[in-house]
C-alpha atoms as a PDB file:
ATOM      1  CA  MET A   1      91.622  26.555 -30.883  1.00  0.00           C
ATOM      2  CA  LYS A   2      89.785  23.521 -29.440  1.00  0.00           C
ATOM      3  CA  LEU A   3      86.800  25.998 -28.265  1.00  0.00           C
ATOM      4  CA  ILE A   4      86.589  26.920 -31.722  1.00  0.00           C
ATOM      5  CA  LEU A   5      86.755  23.191 -33.203  1.00  0.00           C
ATOM      6  CA  LEU A   6      83.918  22.336 -30.249  1.00  0.00           C
ATOM      7  CA  MET A   7      81.809  25.495 -31.445  1.00  0.00           C
ATOM      8  CA  VAL A   8      82.028  24.197 -35.014  1.00  0.00           C
ATOM      9  CA  ALA A   9      81.048  20.673 -34.359  1.00  0.00           C
ATOM     10  CA  LEU A  10      78.086  22.255 -32.378  1.00  0.00           C
ATOM     11  CA  LEU A  11      76.991  24.291 -35.093  1.00  0.00           C
ATOM     12  CA  ILE A  12      77.313  21.767 -37.826  1.00  0.00           C
ATOM     13  CA  ILE A  13      75.451  19.026 -35.436  1.00  0.00           C
ATOM     14  CA  GLY A  14      72.866  21.725 -35.046  1.00  0.00           C
ATOM     15  CA  LEU A  15      72.491  22.604 -38.543  1.00  0.00           C
ATOM     16  CA  LEU A  16      71.798  18.920 -39.244  1.00  0.00           C
ATOM     17  CA  THR A  17      69.227  18.508 -36.698  1.00  0.00           C
ATOM     18  CA  ILE A  18      67.467  21.304 -37.982  1.00  0.00           C
ATOM     19  CA  GLN A  19      67.631  19.982 -41.461  1.00  0.00           C
ATOM     20  CA  GLN A  20      66.322  16.860 -40.298  1.00  0.00           C
ATOM     21  CA  MET A  21      63.489  18.262 -38.143  1.00  0.00           C
ATOM     22  CA  ALA A  22      62.201  20.589 -41.064  1.00  0.00           C
ATOM     23  CA  PRO A  23      59.083  19.643 -42.783  1.00  0.00           C
ATOM     24  CA  LYS A  24      60.072  18.260 -46.278  1.00  0.00           C
ATOM     25  CA  ALA A  25      58.554  19.225 -49.498  1.00  0.00           C
ATOM     26  CA  ASP A  26      57.168  16.174 -51.457  1.00  0.00           C
ATOM     27  CA  ALA A  27      58.244  15.315 -54.944  1.00  0.00           C
ATOM     28  CA  PRO A  28      55.891  16.511 -57.620  1.00  0.00           C
ATOM     29  CA  GLY A  29      53.377  13.772 -58.476  1.00  0.00           C
ATOM     30  CA  VAL A  30      54.220  11.664 -55.397  1.00  0.00           C
ATOM     31  CA  SER A  31      51.493  10.898 -52.969  1.00  0.00           C
ATOM     32  CA  THR A  32      52.318  10.295 -48.999  1.00  0.00           C
ATOM     33  CA  ASP A  33      48.608   9.601 -48.191  1.00  0.00           C
ATOM     34  CA  LEU A  34      48.847   5.892 -47.107  1.00  0.00           C
ATOM     35  CA  ASN A  35      45.089   5.665 -46.829  1.00  0.00           C
ATOM     36  CA  SER A  36      43.860   7.549 -49.625  1.00  0.00           C
ATOM     37  CA  THR A  37      40.053   6.373 -49.591  1.00  0.00           C
ATOM     38  CA  HIS A  38      39.479   8.718 -46.915  1.00  0.00           C
ATOM     39  CA  THR A  39      39.221  12.172 -48.188  1.00  0.00           C
ATOM     40  CA  VAL A  40      36.728  13.368 -45.524  1.00  0.00           C
ATOM     41  CA  PRO A  41      37.296  12.244 -42.031  1.00  0.00           C
ATOM     42  CA  ASP A  42      34.341  10.730 -40.722  1.00  0.00           C
ATOM     43  CA  VAL A  43      35.900   9.694 -37.517  1.00  0.00           C
ATOM     44  CA  PRO A  44      33.675  10.876 -34.630  1.00  0.00           C
ATOM     45  CA  GLU A  45      34.584  13.961 -32.615  1.00  0.00           C
ATOM     46  CA  LEU A  46      36.251  13.673 -29.087  1.00  0.00           C
ATOM     47  CA  PRO A  47      33.892  14.521 -26.321  1.00  0.00           C
ATOM     48  CA  THR A  48      34.358  17.969 -24.598  1.00  0.00           C
ATOM     49  CA  ARG A  49      31.892  17.320 -21.708  1.00  0.00           C
ATOM     50  CA  PRO A  50      31.738  14.377 -19.297  1.00  0.00           C
ATOM     51  CA  ASP A  51      28.039  13.880 -20.403  1.00  0.00           C
ATOM     52  CA  GLU A  52      29.195  13.012 -24.135  1.00  0.00           C
ATOM     53  CA  VAL A  53      31.265  10.175 -23.379  1.00  0.00           C
ATOM     54  CA  LYS A  54      28.603   7.452 -23.456  1.00  0.00           C
ATOM     55  CA  GLN A  55      27.459   8.821 -27.025  1.00  0.00           C
ATOM     56  CA  PHE A  56      31.061   9.138 -28.121  1.00  0.00           C
ATOM     57  CA  GLY A  57      31.652   5.181 -27.082  1.00  0.00           C
ATOM     58  CA  LYS A  58      28.593   4.645 -29.156  1.00  0.00           C
ATOM     59  CA  GLU A  59      29.627   6.415 -32.106  1.00  0.00           C
ATOM     60  CA  MET A  60      33.399   4.888 -32.075  1.00  0.00           C
ATOM     61  CA  SER A  61      31.959   1.154 -31.710  1.00  0.00           C
ATOM     62  CA  ASP A  62      29.649   2.432 -34.699  1.00  0.00           C
ATOM     63  CA  TYR A  63      32.716   3.651 -36.504  1.00  0.00           C
ATOM     64  CA  ILE A  64      34.900   0.853 -35.949  1.00  0.00           C
ATOM     65  CA  GLN A  65      32.338  -1.794 -37.247  1.00  0.00           C
ATOM     66  CA  SER A  66      31.702   0.040 -40.193  1.00  0.00           C
ATOM     67  CA  GLU A  67      35.508   0.440 -41.198  1.00  0.00           C
ATOM     68  CA  ALA A  68      35.862  -3.485 -40.514  1.00  0.00           C
ATOM     69  CA  ALA A  69      33.043  -4.091 -43.047  1.00  0.00           C
ATOM     70  CA  LYS A  70      34.631  -1.858 -45.504  1.00  0.00           C
ATOM     71  CA  ARG A  71      38.021  -3.804 -44.931  1.00  0.00           C
ATOM     72  CA  ALA A  72      36.120  -6.950 -45.137  1.00  0.00           C
ATOM     73  CA  ALA A  73      34.800  -5.976 -48.687  1.00  0.00           C
ATOM     74  CA  ALA A  74      37.801  -4.743 -49.874  1.00  0.00           C
ATOM     75  CA  LEU A  75      39.779  -8.077 -48.905  1.00  0.00           C
ATOM     76  CA  ASP A  76      36.980 -10.016 -50.516  1.00  0.00           C
ATOM     77  CA  GLU A  77      37.193  -7.976 -54.008  1.00  0.00           C
ATOM     78  CA  ALA A  78      40.753  -8.200 -53.869  1.00  0.00           C
ATOM     79  CA  GLN A  79      41.053 -11.971 -53.317  1.00  0.00           C
ATOM     80  CA  LYS A  80      38.263 -12.554 -56.170  1.00  0.00           C
ATOM     81  CA  GLN A  81      40.792 -10.632 -58.737  1.00  0.00           C
END
């Protein structure tokens, strides 16, 4: 009897775990995208060869600077309103 109760408890725990880990369907009309300003990823591609690392560093630095400028402009615009 104890073994059966233990197996039932494990089954319930397993089902609850699977349910929590399953991808959830979004409610209609609700967007979960927190940063909806980026529709196309413009992040530099990761290097696949060692000789591409320096170029990636430059591209990443440029990307960071451009994103910081965009955020500063958005902050200024929000403060004006």
